[in-house]
Amino acid sequence: MKRLLILFLMTVLSFGIETRNLQLSDLQKESIHITVAGEVEAPGQLELPPHATVEEVLEQIHVRDTADLSGLNPDTVLHDHDILNIPEKKEDQPRISINTASKEELMKLPGIGEAMAETIIAYREEHGLFQKKEDLRYVKGIGLNKYEKLEEFITL
């Protein structure tokens, strides 16, 4: 069977199929483009090196005094065509950290009881800290609707 396969491959190659060596550099992008929106002086597109982080973007842009950076993880790696939205501060609204809050603190969030608070903590202990607020949706029992009700009350 091996001989037959080798014979077949040699026959196919002998018909002059052009082969070209693939270089890893051909597959890698030299830059990524992201869109910055929200509470920034000049919203728009930025060209960055691959694997750029939120922190690198924040070093290049001017955020307004009204910007709320507490929900952003500076170590988050950005991808081509990502949109980084800088939200506005909401006054008189304490936020609870989903990365450090105790069960009692989590239970202060709307719709979070004792069992869900324990589930959030168990998820955090098993998978590590949340990298962005939206990662809370990976916790069993927190769907899009529940997350949307919690979003303005949480931070990392």
C-alpha atoms as a PDB file:
ATOM      1  CA  MET A   1       0.000   0.000   0.000  1.00  0.00           C
ATOM      2  CA  LYS A   2       2.896   2.363   0.804  1.00  0.00           C
ATOM      3  CA  ARG A   3       4.487   1.685  -2.577  1.00  0.00           C
ATOM      4  CA  LEU A   4       1.226   2.501  -4.333  1.00  0.00           C
ATOM      5  CA  LEU A   5       0.916   5.777  -2.436  1.00  0.00           C
ATOM      6  CA  ILE A   6       4.505   6.739  -3.222  1.00  0.00           C
ATOM      7  CA  LEU A   7       4.002   5.892  -6.879  1.00  0.00           C
ATOM      8  CA  PHE A   8       0.849   8.022  -6.979  1.00  0.00           C
ATOM      9  CA  LEU A   9       2.598  11.012  -5.370  1.00  0.00           C
ATOM     10  CA  MET A  10       5.540  10.768  -7.735  1.00  0.00           C
ATOM     11  CA  THR A  11       3.182  10.630 -10.714  1.00  0.00           C
ATOM     12  CA  VAL A  12       1.288  13.710  -9.559  1.00  0.00           C
ATOM     13  CA  LEU A  13       4.498  15.630  -8.945  1.00  0.00           C
ATOM     14  CA  SER A  14       5.911  14.668 -12.332  1.00  0.00           C
ATOM     15  CA  PHE A  15       3.087  16.506 -14.123  1.00  0.00           C
ATOM     16  CA  GLY A  16       4.814  19.768 -13.354  1.00  0.00           C
ATOM     17  CA  ILE A  17       2.718  21.034 -10.457  1.00  0.00           C
ATOM     18  CA  GLU A  18       4.479  24.103  -9.234  1.00  0.00           C
ATOM     19  CA  THR A  19       5.383  23.953  -5.595  1.00  0.00           C
ATOM     20  CA  ARG A  20       6.591  26.871  -3.583  1.00  0.00           C
ATOM     21  CA  ASN A  21       8.156  26.957  -0.163  1.00  0.00           C
ATOM     22  CA  LEU A  22       5.917  28.616   2.339  1.00  0.00           C
ATOM     23  CA  GLN A  23       7.642  31.029   4.623  1.00  0.00           C
ATOM     24  CA  LEU A  24       6.269  31.676   8.105  1.00  0.00           C
ATOM     25  CA  SER A  25       6.660  35.386   7.414  1.00  0.00           C
ATOM     26  CA  ASP A  26       4.144  35.029   4.558  1.00  0.00           C
ATOM     27  CA  LEU A  27       1.520  33.931   7.051  1.00  0.00           C
ATOM     28  CA  GLN A  28       2.186  36.554   9.711  1.00  0.00           C
ATOM     29  CA  LYS A  29       0.720  40.021   9.530  1.00  0.00           C
ATOM     30  CA  GLU A  30       3.101  42.890   9.909  1.00  0.00           C
ATOM     31  CA  SER A  31       0.482  45.073  11.568  1.00  0.00           C
ATOM     32  CA  ILE A  32      -3.058  45.068  12.887  1.00  0.00           C
ATOM     33  CA  HIS A  33      -5.709  47.751  12.655  1.00  0.00           C
ATOM     34  CA  ILE A  34      -8.001  48.566  15.548  1.00  0.00           C
ATOM     35  CA  THR A  35     -10.694  51.170  16.016  1.00  0.00           C
ATOM     36  CA  VAL A  36     -10.709  53.343  19.120  1.00  0.00           C
ATOM     37  CA  ALA A  37     -14.027  54.895  20.139  1.00  0.00           C
ATOM     38  CA  GLY A  38     -15.745  56.428  23.129  1.00  0.00           C
ATOM     39  CA  GLU A  39     -14.147  58.872  25.540  1.00  0.00           C
ATOM     40  CA  VAL A  40     -11.065  59.715  23.466  1.00  0.00           C
ATOM     41  CA  GLU A  41      -9.937  62.989  21.937  1.00  0.00           C
ATOM     42  CA  ALA A  42      -9.517  61.580  18.429  1.00  0.00           C
ATOM     43  CA  PRO A  43     -11.548  58.438  17.749  1.00  0.00           C
ATOM     44  CA  GLY A  44     -10.566  56.402  14.731  1.00  0.00           C
ATOM     45  CA  GLN A  45      -8.257  53.691  13.502  1.00  0.00           C
ATOM     46  CA  LEU A  46      -4.778  52.870  14.738  1.00  0.00           C
ATOM     47  CA  GLU A  47      -2.153  50.697  13.110  1.00  0.00           C
ATOM     48  CA  LEU A  48      -0.263  48.609  15.659  1.00  0.00           C
ATOM     49  CA  PRO A  49       2.223  45.757  15.679  1.00  0.00           C
ATOM     50  CA  PRO A  50       0.772  42.247  16.019  1.00  0.00           C
ATOM     51  CA  HIS A  51      -0.007  41.218  19.598  1.00  0.00           C
ATOM     52  CA  ALA A  52      -0.348  44.824  20.783  1.00  0.00           C
ATOM     53  CA  THR A  53      -2.088  45.290  24.122  1.00  0.00           C
ATOM     54  CA  VAL A  54      -4.664  47.725  25.469  1.00  0.00           C
ATOM     55  CA  GLU A  55      -1.864  49.372  27.451  1.00  0.00           C
ATOM     56  CA  GLU A  56       0.034  50.147  24.232  1.00  0.00           C
ATOM     57  CA  VAL A  57      -3.086  51.765  22.784  1.00  0.00           C
ATOM     58  CA  LEU A  58      -3.610  53.854  25.910  1.00  0.00           C
ATOM     59  CA  GLU A  59      -0.027  55.120  25.568  1.00  0.00           C
ATOM     60  CA  GLN A  60      -0.776  56.361  22.026  1.00  0.00           C
ATOM     61  CA  ILE A  61      -4.159  58.031  22.526  1.00  0.00           C
ATOM     62  CA  HIS A  62      -5.464  60.874  24.639  1.00  0.00           C
ATOM     63  CA  VAL A  63      -8.407  59.862  26.805  1.00  0.00           C
ATOM     64  CA  ARG A  64     -10.843  62.442  28.093  1.00  0.00           C
ATOM     65  CA  ASP A  65     -11.161  63.239  31.795  1.00  0.00           C
ATOM     66  CA  THR A  66     -14.585  61.614  31.653  1.00  0.00           C
ATOM     67  CA  ALA A  67     -13.111  58.231  30.613  1.00  0.00           C
ATOM     68  CA  ASP A  68     -13.547  55.210  32.873  1.00  0.00           C
ATOM     69  CA  LEU A  69     -10.522  52.947  32.480  1.00  0.00           C
ATOM     70  CA  SER A  70     -11.361  50.727  35.456  1.00  0.00           C
ATOM     71  CA  GLY A  71     -13.055  48.103  33.280  1.00  0.00           C
ATOM     72  CA  LEU A  72     -10.128  47.740  30.887  1.00  0.00           C
ATOM     73  CA  ASN A  73      -7.415  45.135  31.345  1.00  0.00           C
ATOM     74  CA  PRO A  74      -4.171  46.718  30.107  1.00  0.00           C
ATOM     75  CA  ASP A  75      -2.701  43.276  29.348  1.00  0.00           C
ATOM     76  CA  THR A  76      -5.471  42.250  26.928  1.00  0.00           C
ATOM     77  CA  VAL A  77      -3.967  41.373  23.546  1.00  0.00           C
ATOM     78  CA  LEU A  78      -5.756  43.021  20.632  1.00  0.00           C
ATOM     79  CA  HIS A  79      -6.508  41.426  17.281  1.00  0.00           C
ATOM     80  CA  ASP A  80      -6.905  42.805  13.789  1.00  0.00           C
ATOM     81  CA  HIS A  81     -10.182  44.758  13.395  1.00  0.00           C
ATOM     82  CA  ASP A  82     -10.910  44.908  17.160  1.00  0.00           C
ATOM     83  CA  ILE A  83     -12.868  47.873  18.493  1.00  0.00           C
ATOM     84  CA  LEU A  84     -11.677  49.367  21.765  1.00  0.00           C
ATOM     85  CA  ASN A  85     -14.479  51.428  23.277  1.00  0.00           C
ATOM     86  CA  ILE A  86     -13.459  53.667  26.180  1.00  0.00           C
ATOM     87  CA  PRO A  87     -16.571  54.091  28.361  1.00  0.00           C
ATOM     88  CA  GLU A  88     -17.658  57.212  30.209  1.00  0.00           C
ATOM     89  CA  LYS A  89     -17.397  57.441  34.003  1.00  0.00           C
ATOM     90  CA  LYS A  90     -20.670  57.064  35.820  1.00  0.00           C
ATOM     91  CA  GLU A  91     -20.611  59.023  39.043  1.00  0.00           C
ATOM     92  CA  ASP A  92     -22.032  57.864  42.363  1.00  0.00           C
ATOM     93  CA  GLN A  93     -21.949  54.250  41.313  1.00  0.00           C
ATOM     94  CA  PRO A  94     -19.519  51.997  43.149  1.00  0.00           C
ATOM     95  CA  ARG A  95     -18.362  49.048  41.101  1.00  0.00           C
ATOM     96  CA  ILE A  96     -17.578  45.583  42.358  1.00  0.00           C
ATOM     97  CA  SER A  97     -14.485  43.764  41.111  1.00  0.00           C
ATOM     98  CA  ILE A  98     -15.365  40.375  39.679  1.00  0.00           C
ATOM     99  CA  ASN A  99     -11.711  39.364  40.157  1.00  0.00           C
ATOM    100  CA  THR A 100     -11.382  40.133  43.853  1.00  0.00           C
ATOM    101  CA  ALA A 101     -14.875  40.408  45.354  1.00  0.00           C
ATOM    102  CA  SER A 102     -15.917  38.121  48.172  1.00  0.00           C
ATOM    103  CA  LYS A 103     -19.149  36.137  48.084  1.00  0.00           C
ATOM    104  CA  GLU A 104     -20.858  38.830  50.160  1.00  0.00           C
ATOM    105  CA  GLU A 105     -19.711  41.603  47.817  1.00  0.00           C
ATOM    106  CA  LEU A 106     -20.852  39.689  44.733  1.00  0.00           C
ATOM    107  CA  MET A 107     -24.271  39.182  46.347  1.00  0.00           C
ATOM    108  CA  LYS A 108     -24.720  42.979  46.310  1.00  0.00           C
ATOM    109  CA  LEU A 109     -24.940  42.823  42.510  1.00  0.00           C
ATOM    110  CA  PRO A 110     -28.451  42.786  41.032  1.00  0.00           C
ATOM    111  CA  GLY A 111     -29.692  39.255  40.448  1.00  0.00           C
ATOM    112  CA  ILE A 112     -26.729  37.561  42.161  1.00  0.00           C
ATOM    113  CA  GLY A 113     -27.649  35.321  45.061  1.00  0.00           C
ATOM    114  CA  GLU A 114     -25.486  33.143  47.252  1.00  0.00           C
ATOM    115  CA  ALA A 115     -25.341  30.200  44.831  1.00  0.00           C
ATOM    116  CA  MET A 116     -24.414  32.375  41.826  1.00  0.00           C
ATOM    117  CA  ALA A 117     -21.782  34.243  43.857  1.00  0.00           C
ATOM    118  CA  GLU A 118     -20.236  30.891  44.785  1.00  0.00           C
ATOM    119  CA  THR A 119     -20.359  29.811  41.134  1.00  0.00           C
ATOM    120  CA  ILE A 120     -18.522  32.999  40.059  1.00  0.00           C
ATOM    121  CA  ILE A 121     -15.834  32.450  42.689  1.00  0.00           C
ATOM    122  CA  ALA A 122     -15.459  28.769  41.736  1.00  0.00           C
ATOM    123  CA  TYR A 123     -15.096  29.723  38.062  1.00  0.00           C
ATOM    124  CA  ARG A 124     -12.511  32.364  38.953  1.00  0.00           C
ATOM    125  CA  GLU A 125     -10.519  29.889  41.049  1.00  0.00           C
ATOM    126  CA  GLU A 126     -10.610  27.216  38.337  1.00  0.00           C
ATOM    127  CA  HIS A 127      -9.919  29.403  35.282  1.00  0.00           C
ATOM    128  CA  GLY A 128      -7.972  32.334  36.742  1.00  0.00           C
ATOM    129  CA  LEU A 129      -8.844  36.007  36.783  1.00  0.00           C
ATOM    130  CA  PHE A 130     -11.264  37.440  34.269  1.00  0.00           C
ATOM    131  CA  GLN A 131      -9.390  39.207  31.455  1.00  0.00           C
ATOM    132  CA  LYS A 132     -12.315  41.420  30.486  1.00  0.00           C
ATOM    133  CA  LYS A 133     -15.713  42.070  31.988  1.00  0.00           C
ATOM    134  CA  GLU A 134     -17.443  40.176  29.180  1.00  0.00           C
ATOM    135  CA  ASP A 135     -15.698  36.970  30.297  1.00  0.00           C
ATOM    136  CA  LEU A 136     -18.232  36.800  33.121  1.00  0.00           C
ATOM    137  CA  ARG A 137     -20.597  35.380  30.499  1.00  0.00           C
ATOM    138  CA  TYR A 138     -18.559  32.141  30.544  1.00  0.00           C
ATOM    139  CA  VAL A 139     -19.854  31.460  34.050  1.00  0.00           C
ATOM    140  CA  LYS A 140     -22.693  28.944  33.929  1.00  0.00           C
ATOM    141  CA  GLY A 141     -25.957  30.744  34.594  1.00  0.00           C
ATOM    142  CA  ILE A 142     -24.862  34.163  33.325  1.00  0.00           C
ATOM    143  CA  GLY A 143     -26.226  34.719  29.857  1.00  0.00           C
ATOM    144  CA  LEU A 144     -26.354  37.857  27.769  1.00  0.00           C
ATOM    145  CA  ASN A 145     -29.405  39.321  29.534  1.00  0.00           C
ATOM    146  CA  LYS A 146     -28.012  38.825  33.033  1.00  0.00           C
ATOM    147  CA  TYR A 147     -24.625  40.155  31.971  1.00  0.00           C
ATOM    148  CA  GLU A 148     -26.186  43.302  30.495  1.00  0.00           C
ATOM    149  CA  LYS A 149     -27.915  43.959  33.839  1.00  0.00           C
ATOM    150  CA  LEU A 150     -24.602  43.543  35.688  1.00  0.00           C
ATOM    151  CA  GLU A 151     -22.235  45.318  33.310  1.00  0.00           C
ATOM    152  CA  GLU A 152     -22.533  48.813  34.749  1.00  0.00           C
ATOM    153  CA  PHE A 153     -22.005  47.565  38.318  1.00  0.00           C
ATOM    154  CA  ILE A 154     -18.826  45.506  37.770  1.00  0.00           C
ATOM    155  CA  THR A 155     -15.152  46.072  37.105  1.00  0.00           C
ATOM    156  CA  LEU A 156     -12.070  43.849  36.883  1.00  0.00           C
END
